[in-house]
Amino acid sequence: MLKLLLIIGVMVAVYYIFIKKQIPKDSQLDKKKFEASDMIACAHCGIYCEMREAILSRGKYYCSKECVGKV
């Protein structure tokens, strides 16, 4: 029984040392979560806002609905 537990322990140790070490972590994906998105200037007022929050209208980006309505 002791030999079986020892063999299983060695196999687990080998797995964690050699095999698990080779699996790449998603560290680059984690970094992308915290990076700021691209900033663009509003076509009307010139204020910079994040591209994902900007409004695209007639091929130009705007920071708010008010700026879209003024053009």
PDB file of N, CA and C in Angstrom:
ATOM      1  N   MET A   1       0.824  -1.201   0.000  1.00  0.00           N
ATOM      2  CA  MET A   1       0.000   0.000   0.000  1.00  0.00           C
ATOM      3  C   MET A   1       0.866   1.263   0.000  1.00  0.00           C
ATOM      4  N   LEU A   2       1.915   1.235   0.770  1.00  0.00           N
ATOM      5  CA  LEU A   2       2.812   2.379   0.855  1.00  0.00           C
ATOM      6  C   LEU A   2       3.512   2.626  -0.486  1.00  0.00           C
ATOM      7  N   LYS A   3       3.886   1.543  -1.171  1.00  0.00           N
ATOM      8  CA  LYS A   3       4.519   1.678  -2.485  1.00  0.00           C
ATOM      9  C   LYS A   3       3.566   2.330  -3.485  1.00  0.00           C
ATOM     10  N   LEU A   4       2.302   1.980  -3.439  1.00  0.00           N
ATOM     11  CA  LEU A   4       1.304   2.547  -4.345  1.00  0.00           C
ATOM     12  C   LEU A   4       1.143   4.047  -4.102  1.00  0.00           C
ATOM     13  N   LEU A   5       1.064   4.454  -2.852  1.00  0.00           N
ATOM     14  CA  LEU A   5       0.958   5.883  -2.523  1.00  0.00           C
ATOM     15  C   LEU A   5       2.209   6.644  -2.945  1.00  0.00           C
ATOM     16  N   LEU A   6       3.368   6.027  -2.780  1.00  0.00           N
ATOM     17  CA  LEU A   6       4.620   6.659  -3.187  1.00  0.00           C
ATOM     18  C   LEU A   6       4.676   6.836  -4.702  1.00  0.00           C
ATOM     19  N   ILE A   7       4.262   5.829  -5.447  1.00  0.00           N
ATOM     20  CA  ILE A   7       4.247   5.919  -6.916  1.00  0.00           C
ATOM     21  C   ILE A   7       3.277   6.999  -7.370  1.00  0.00           C
ATOM     22  N   ILE A   8       2.098   7.072  -6.773  1.00  0.00           N
ATOM     23  CA  ILE A   8       1.113   8.105  -7.124  1.00  0.00           C
ATOM     24  C   ILE A   8       1.658   9.482  -6.788  1.00  0.00           C
ATOM     25  N   GLY A   9       2.318   9.611  -5.653  1.00  0.00           N
ATOM     26  CA  GLY A   9       2.915  10.891  -5.265  1.00  0.00           C
ATOM     27  C   GLY A   9       3.990  11.345  -6.240  1.00  0.00           C
ATOM     28  N   VAL A  10       4.825  10.419  -6.686  1.00  0.00           N
ATOM     29  CA  VAL A  10       5.875  10.742  -7.652  1.00  0.00           C
ATOM     30  C   VAL A  10       5.256  11.146  -8.984  1.00  0.00           C
ATOM     31  N   MET A  11       4.220  10.448  -9.400  1.00  0.00           N
ATOM     32  CA  MET A  11       3.556  10.783 -10.666  1.00  0.00           C
ATOM     33  C   MET A  11       2.932  12.181 -10.600  1.00  0.00           C
ATOM     34  N   VAL A  12       2.318  12.512  -9.497  1.00  0.00           N
ATOM     35  CA  VAL A  12       1.722  13.844  -9.332  1.00  0.00           C
ATOM     36  C   VAL A  12       2.808  14.911  -9.331  1.00  0.00           C
ATOM     37  N   ALA A  13       3.904  14.650  -8.658  1.00  0.00           N
ATOM     38  CA  ALA A  13       5.014  15.604  -8.621  1.00  0.00           C
ATOM     39  C   ALA A  13       5.586  15.826 -10.019  1.00  0.00           C
ATOM     40  N   VAL A  14       5.783  14.745 -10.777  1.00  0.00           N
ATOM     41  CA  VAL A  14       6.300  14.861 -12.142  1.00  0.00           C
ATOM     42  C   VAL A  14       5.335  15.660 -13.004  1.00  0.00           C
ATOM     43  N   TYR A  15       4.045  15.426 -12.842  1.00  0.00           N
ATOM     44  CA  TYR A  15       3.046  16.165 -13.610  1.00  0.00           C
ATOM     45  C   TYR A  15       3.144  17.661 -13.333  1.00  0.00           C
ATOM     46  N   TYR A  16       3.165  18.044 -12.077  1.00  0.00           N
ATOM     47  CA  TYR A  16       3.201  19.466 -11.737  1.00  0.00           C
ATOM     48  C   TYR A  16       4.524  20.137 -12.091  1.00  0.00           C
ATOM     49  N   ILE A  17       5.611  19.405 -12.012  1.00  0.00           N
ATOM     50  CA  ILE A  17       6.916  20.011 -12.297  1.00  0.00           C
ATOM     51  C   ILE A  17       7.152  20.158 -13.797  1.00  0.00           C
ATOM     52  N   PHE A  18       6.817  19.129 -14.574  1.00  0.00           N
ATOM     53  CA  PHE A  18       7.180  19.143 -15.986  1.00  0.00           C
ATOM     54  C   PHE A  18       6.019  19.470 -16.923  1.00  0.00           C
ATOM     55  N   ILE A  19       4.892  18.875 -16.718  1.00  0.00           N
ATOM     56  CA  ILE A  19       3.787  19.027 -17.669  1.00  0.00           C
ATOM     57  C   ILE A  19       3.013  20.310 -17.421  1.00  0.00           C
ATOM     58  N   LYS A  20       2.624  20.566 -16.212  1.00  0.00           N
ATOM     59  CA  LYS A  20       1.847  21.768 -15.899  1.00  0.00           C
ATOM     60  C   LYS A  20       2.666  23.023 -16.161  1.00  0.00           C
ATOM     61  N   LYS A  21       3.963  22.948 -16.011  1.00  0.00           N
ATOM     62  CA  LYS A  21       4.847  24.090 -16.247  1.00  0.00           C
ATOM     63  C   LYS A  21       4.811  24.525 -17.716  1.00  0.00           C
ATOM     64  N   GLN A  22       4.580  23.594 -18.634  1.00  0.00           N
ATOM     65  CA  GLN A  22       4.606  23.880 -20.056  1.00  0.00           C
ATOM     66  C   GLN A  22       3.309  24.496 -20.567  1.00  0.00           C
ATOM     67  N   ILE A  23       2.230  24.381 -19.825  1.00  0.00           N
ATOM     68  CA  ILE A  23       0.959  24.946 -20.248  1.00  0.00           C
ATOM     69  C   ILE A  23       1.017  26.462 -20.080  1.00  0.00           C
ATOM     70  N   PRO A  24       0.872  27.233 -21.170  1.00  0.00           N
ATOM     71  CA  PRO A  24       0.964  28.698 -21.050  1.00  0.00           C
ATOM     72  C   PRO A  24      -0.229  29.251 -20.289  1.00  0.00           C
ATOM     73  N   LYS A  25       0.063  30.219 -19.474  1.00  0.00           N
ATOM     74  CA  LYS A  25      -1.003  30.877 -18.721  1.00  0.00           C
ATOM     75  C   LYS A  25      -1.613  31.973 -19.587  1.00  0.00           C
ATOM     76  N   ASP A  26      -2.780  32.412 -19.229  1.00  0.00           N
ATOM     77  CA  ASP A  26      -3.453  33.467 -19.967  1.00  0.00           C
ATOM     78  C   ASP A  26      -3.028  34.835 -19.454  1.00  0.00           C
ATOM     79  N   SER A  27      -1.739  34.998 -19.199  1.00  0.00           N
ATOM     80  CA  SER A  27      -1.265  36.250 -18.628  1.00  0.00           C
ATOM     81  C   SER A  27      -1.438  37.406 -19.614  1.00  0.00           C
ATOM     82  N   GLN A  28      -1.278  37.144 -20.899  1.00  0.00           N
ATOM     83  CA  GLN A  28      -1.458  38.221 -21.867  1.00  0.00           C
ATOM     84  C   GLN A  28      -2.921  38.606 -21.971  1.00  0.00           C
ATOM     85  N   LEU A  29      -3.826  37.647 -21.824  1.00  0.00           N
ATOM     86  CA  LEU A  29      -5.246  37.976 -21.837  1.00  0.00           C
ATOM     87  C   LEU A  29      -5.606  38.805 -20.619  1.00  0.00           C
ATOM     88  N   ASP A  30      -4.997  38.498 -19.471  1.00  0.00           N
ATOM     89  CA  ASP A  30      -5.262  39.267 -18.269  1.00  0.00           C
ATOM     90  C   ASP A  30      -4.767  40.701 -18.422  1.00  0.00           C
ATOM     91  N   LYS A  31      -3.628  40.878 -19.075  1.00  0.00           N
ATOM     92  CA  LYS A  31      -3.089  42.223 -19.274  1.00  0.00           C
ATOM     93  C   LYS A  31      -4.002  43.046 -20.168  1.00  0.00           C
ATOM     94  N   LYS A  32      -4.594  42.418 -21.171  1.00  0.00           N
ATOM     95  CA  LYS A  32      -5.460  43.139 -22.086  1.00  0.00           C
ATOM     96  C   LYS A  32      -6.720  43.641 -21.396  1.00  0.00           C
ATOM     97  N   LYS A  33      -7.152  42.966 -20.368  1.00  0.00           N
ATOM     98  CA  LYS A  33      -8.348  43.391 -19.648  1.00  0.00           C
ATOM     99  C   LYS A  33      -8.136  44.738 -18.986  1.00  0.00           C
ATOM    100  N   PHE A  34      -6.896  45.019 -18.556  1.00  0.00           N
ATOM    101  CA  PHE A  34      -6.620  46.229 -17.812  1.00  0.00           C
ATOM    102  C   PHE A  34      -6.050  47.355 -18.668  1.00  0.00           C
ATOM    103  N   GLU A  35      -5.781  47.084 -19.918  1.00  0.00           N
ATOM    104  CA  GLU A  35      -5.276  48.137 -20.791  1.00  0.00           C
ATOM    105  C   GLU A  35      -6.412  49.071 -21.181  1.00  0.00           C
ATOM    106  N   ALA A  36      -6.077  50.338 -21.371  1.00  0.00           N
ATOM    107  CA  ALA A  36      -7.074  51.293 -21.831  1.00  0.00           C
ATOM    108  C   ALA A  36      -7.353  51.042 -23.308  1.00  0.00           C
ATOM    109  N   SER A  37      -8.576  51.270 -23.709  1.00  0.00           N
ATOM    110  CA  SER A  37      -8.901  51.094 -25.114  1.00  0.00           C
ATOM    111  C   SER A  37      -8.420  52.314 -25.894  1.00  0.00           C
ATOM    112  N   ASP A  38      -8.546  52.245 -27.187  1.00  0.00           N
ATOM    113  CA  ASP A  38      -8.102  53.349 -28.033  1.00  0.00           C
ATOM    114  C   ASP A  38      -8.942  54.586 -27.765  1.00  0.00           C
ATOM    115  N   MET A  39      -8.279  55.716 -27.716  1.00  0.00           N
ATOM    116  CA  MET A  39      -8.955  56.990 -27.486  1.00  0.00           C
ATOM    117  C   MET A  39      -9.068  57.720 -28.827  1.00  0.00           C
ATOM    118  N   ILE A  40     -10.237  58.295 -29.073  1.00  0.00           N
ATOM    119  CA  ILE A  40     -10.455  59.049 -30.305  1.00  0.00           C
ATOM    120  C   ILE A  40     -11.096  60.388 -29.955  1.00  0.00           C
ATOM    121  N   ALA A  41     -10.894  61.352 -30.828  1.00  0.00           N
ATOM    122  CA  ALA A  41     -11.459  62.681 -30.603  1.00  0.00           C
ATOM    123  C   ALA A  41     -12.853  62.759 -31.213  1.00  0.00           C
ATOM    124  N   CYS A  42     -13.734  63.451 -30.517  1.00  0.00           N
ATOM    125  CA  CYS A  42     -15.083  63.683 -31.022  1.00  0.00           C
ATOM    126  C   CYS A  42     -14.990  64.586 -32.254  1.00  0.00           C
ATOM    127  N   ALA A  43     -15.743  64.272 -33.288  1.00  0.00           N
ATOM    128  CA  ALA A  43     -15.708  65.050 -34.526  1.00  0.00           C
ATOM    129  C   ALA A  43     -16.302  66.452 -34.331  1.00  0.00           C
ATOM    130  N   HIS A  44     -17.115  66.647 -33.295  1.00  0.00           N
ATOM    131  CA  HIS A  44     -17.746  67.953 -33.089  1.00  0.00           C
ATOM    132  C   HIS A  44     -16.977  68.809 -32.078  1.00  0.00           C
ATOM    133  N   CYS A  45     -16.786  68.300 -30.863  1.00  0.00           N
ATOM    134  CA  CYS A  45     -16.201  69.125 -29.802  1.00  0.00           C
ATOM    135  C   CYS A  45     -14.727  68.855 -29.553  1.00  0.00           C
ATOM    136  N   GLY A  46     -14.198  67.750 -30.047  1.00  0.00           N
ATOM    137  CA  GLY A  46     -12.778  67.458 -29.907  1.00  0.00           C
ATOM    138  C   GLY A  46     -12.390  66.764 -28.617  1.00  0.00           C
ATOM    139  N   ILE A  47     -13.343  66.478 -27.745  1.00  0.00           N
ATOM    140  CA  ILE A  47     -13.046  65.781 -26.500  1.00  0.00           C
ATOM    141  C   ILE A  47     -12.701  64.332 -26.825  1.00  0.00           C
ATOM    142  N   TYR A  48     -11.668  63.811 -26.141  1.00  0.00           N
ATOM    143  CA  TYR A  48     -11.281  62.425 -26.351  1.00  0.00           C
ATOM    144  C   TYR A  48     -12.141  61.505 -25.488  1.00  0.00           C
ATOM    145  N   CYS A  49     -12.566  60.404 -26.096  1.00  0.00           N
ATOM    146  CA  CYS A  49     -13.324  59.391 -25.371  1.00  0.00           C
ATOM    147  C   CYS A  49     -12.882  58.023 -25.870  1.00  0.00           C
ATOM    148  N   GLU A  50     -13.210  56.999 -25.108  1.00  0.00           N
ATOM    149  CA  GLU A  50     -12.830  55.656 -25.506  1.00  0.00           C
ATOM    150  C   GLU A  50     -13.638  55.229 -26.728  1.00  0.00           C
ATOM    151  N   MET A  51     -13.000  54.513 -27.607  1.00  0.00           N
ATOM    152  CA  MET A  51     -13.631  54.114 -28.854  1.00  0.00           C
ATOM    153  C   MET A  51     -14.869  53.250 -28.596  1.00  0.00           C
ATOM    154  N   ARG A  52     -14.821  52.405 -27.559  1.00  0.00           N
ATOM    155  CA  ARG A  52     -15.960  51.529 -27.285  1.00  0.00           C
ATOM    156  C   ARG A  52     -17.158  52.304 -26.753  1.00  0.00           C
ATOM    157  N   GLU A  53     -16.961  53.532 -26.249  1.00  0.00           N
ATOM    158  CA  GLU A  53     -18.058  54.350 -25.742  1.00  0.00           C
ATOM    159  C   GLU A  53     -18.510  55.398 -26.758  1.00  0.00           C
ATOM    160  N   ALA A  54     -17.743  55.576 -27.830  1.00  0.00           N
ATOM    161  CA  ALA A  54     -18.063  56.594 -28.823  1.00  0.00           C
ATOM    162  C   ALA A  54     -19.233  56.153 -29.698  1.00  0.00           C
ATOM    163  N   ILE A  55     -19.866  57.138 -30.307  1.00  0.00           N
ATOM    164  CA  ILE A  55     -21.002  56.886 -31.193  1.00  0.00           C
ATOM    165  C   ILE A  55     -20.535  57.131 -32.621  1.00  0.00           C
ATOM    166  N   LEU A  56     -20.730  56.153 -33.484  1.00  0.00           N
ATOM    167  CA  LEU A  56     -20.343  56.270 -34.883  1.00  0.00           C
ATOM    168  C   LEU A  56     -21.560  56.712 -35.681  1.00  0.00           C
ATOM    169  N   SER A  57     -21.419  57.851 -36.351  1.00  0.00           N
ATOM    170  CA  SER A  57     -22.504  58.369 -37.168  1.00  0.00           C
ATOM    171  C   SER A  57     -21.927  59.020 -38.411  1.00  0.00           C
ATOM    172  N   ARG A  58     -22.411  58.612 -39.558  1.00  0.00           N
ATOM    173  CA  ARG A  58     -21.961  59.144 -40.852  1.00  0.00           C
ATOM    174  C   ARG A  58     -20.443  59.074 -41.020  1.00  0.00           C
ATOM    175  N   GLY A  59     -19.852  57.982 -40.521  1.00  0.00           N
ATOM    176  CA  GLY A  59     -18.426  57.764 -40.697  1.00  0.00           C
ATOM    177  C   GLY A  59     -17.534  58.517 -39.727  1.00  0.00           C
ATOM    178  N   LYS A  60     -18.104  59.208 -38.741  1.00  0.00           N
ATOM    179  CA  LYS A  60     -17.323  59.955 -37.757  1.00  0.00           C
ATOM    180  C   LYS A  60     -17.727  59.516 -36.360  1.00  0.00           C
ATOM    181  N   TYR A  61     -16.784  59.673 -35.431  1.00  0.00           N
ATOM    182  CA  TYR A  61     -17.036  59.303 -34.042  1.00  0.00           C
ATOM    183  C   TYR A  61     -17.394  60.534 -33.215  1.00  0.00           C
ATOM    184  N   TYR A  62     -18.383  60.363 -32.340  1.00  0.00           N
ATOM    185  CA  TYR A  62     -18.842  61.448 -31.470  1.00  0.00           C
ATOM    186  C   TYR A  62     -18.847  60.955 -30.028  1.00  0.00           C
ATOM    187  N   CYS A  63     -18.673  61.886 -29.080  1.00  0.00           N
ATOM    188  CA  CYS A  63     -18.598  61.503 -27.669  1.00  0.00           C
ATOM    189  C   CYS A  63     -19.977  61.329 -27.041  1.00  0.00           C
ATOM    190  N   SER A  64     -20.994  61.964 -27.591  1.00  0.00           N
ATOM    191  CA  SER A  64     -22.330  61.864 -26.993  1.00  0.00           C
ATOM    192  C   SER A  64     -23.404  62.085 -28.059  1.00  0.00           C
ATOM    193  N   LYS A  65     -24.639  61.835 -27.674  1.00  0.00           N
ATOM    194  CA  LYS A  65     -25.775  62.045 -28.581  1.00  0.00           C
ATOM    195  C   LYS A  65     -25.961  63.532 -28.884  1.00  0.00           C
ATOM    196  N   GLU A  66     -25.625  64.372 -27.924  1.00  0.00           N
ATOM    197  CA  GLU A  66     -25.760  65.812 -28.133  1.00  0.00           C
ATOM    198  C   GLU A  66     -24.842  66.288 -29.267  1.00  0.00           C
ATOM    199  N   CYS A  67     -23.615  65.769 -29.301  1.00  0.00           N
ATOM    200  CA  CYS A  67     -22.683  66.168 -30.360  1.00  0.00           C
ATOM    201  C   CYS A  67     -23.133  65.633 -31.724  1.00  0.00           C
ATOM    202  N   VAL A  68     -23.753  64.472 -31.752  1.00  0.00           N
ATOM    203  CA  VAL A  68     -24.270  63.930 -33.007  1.00  0.00           C
ATOM    204  C   VAL A  68     -25.401  64.814 -33.520  1.00  0.00           C
ATOM    205  N   GLY A  69     -26.263  65.270 -32.617  1.00  0.00           N
ATOM    206  CA  GLY A  69     -27.404  66.094 -33.002  1.00  0.00           C
ATOM    207  C   GLY A  69     -27.034  67.487 -33.456  1.00  0.00           C
ATOM    208  N   LYS A  70     -25.884  68.010 -33.026  1.00  0.00           N
ATOM    209  CA  LYS A  70     -25.461  69.372 -33.380  1.00  0.00           C
ATOM    210  C   LYS A  70     -24.839  69.456 -34.759  1.00  0.00           C
ATOM    211  N   VAL A  71     -24.482  68.333 -35.321  1.00  0.00           N
ATOM    212  CA  VAL A  71     -23.821  68.357 -36.626  1.00  0.00           C
ATOM    213  C   VAL A  71     -24.824  68.232 -37.740  1.00  0.00           C
TER     214      VAL A  71
END
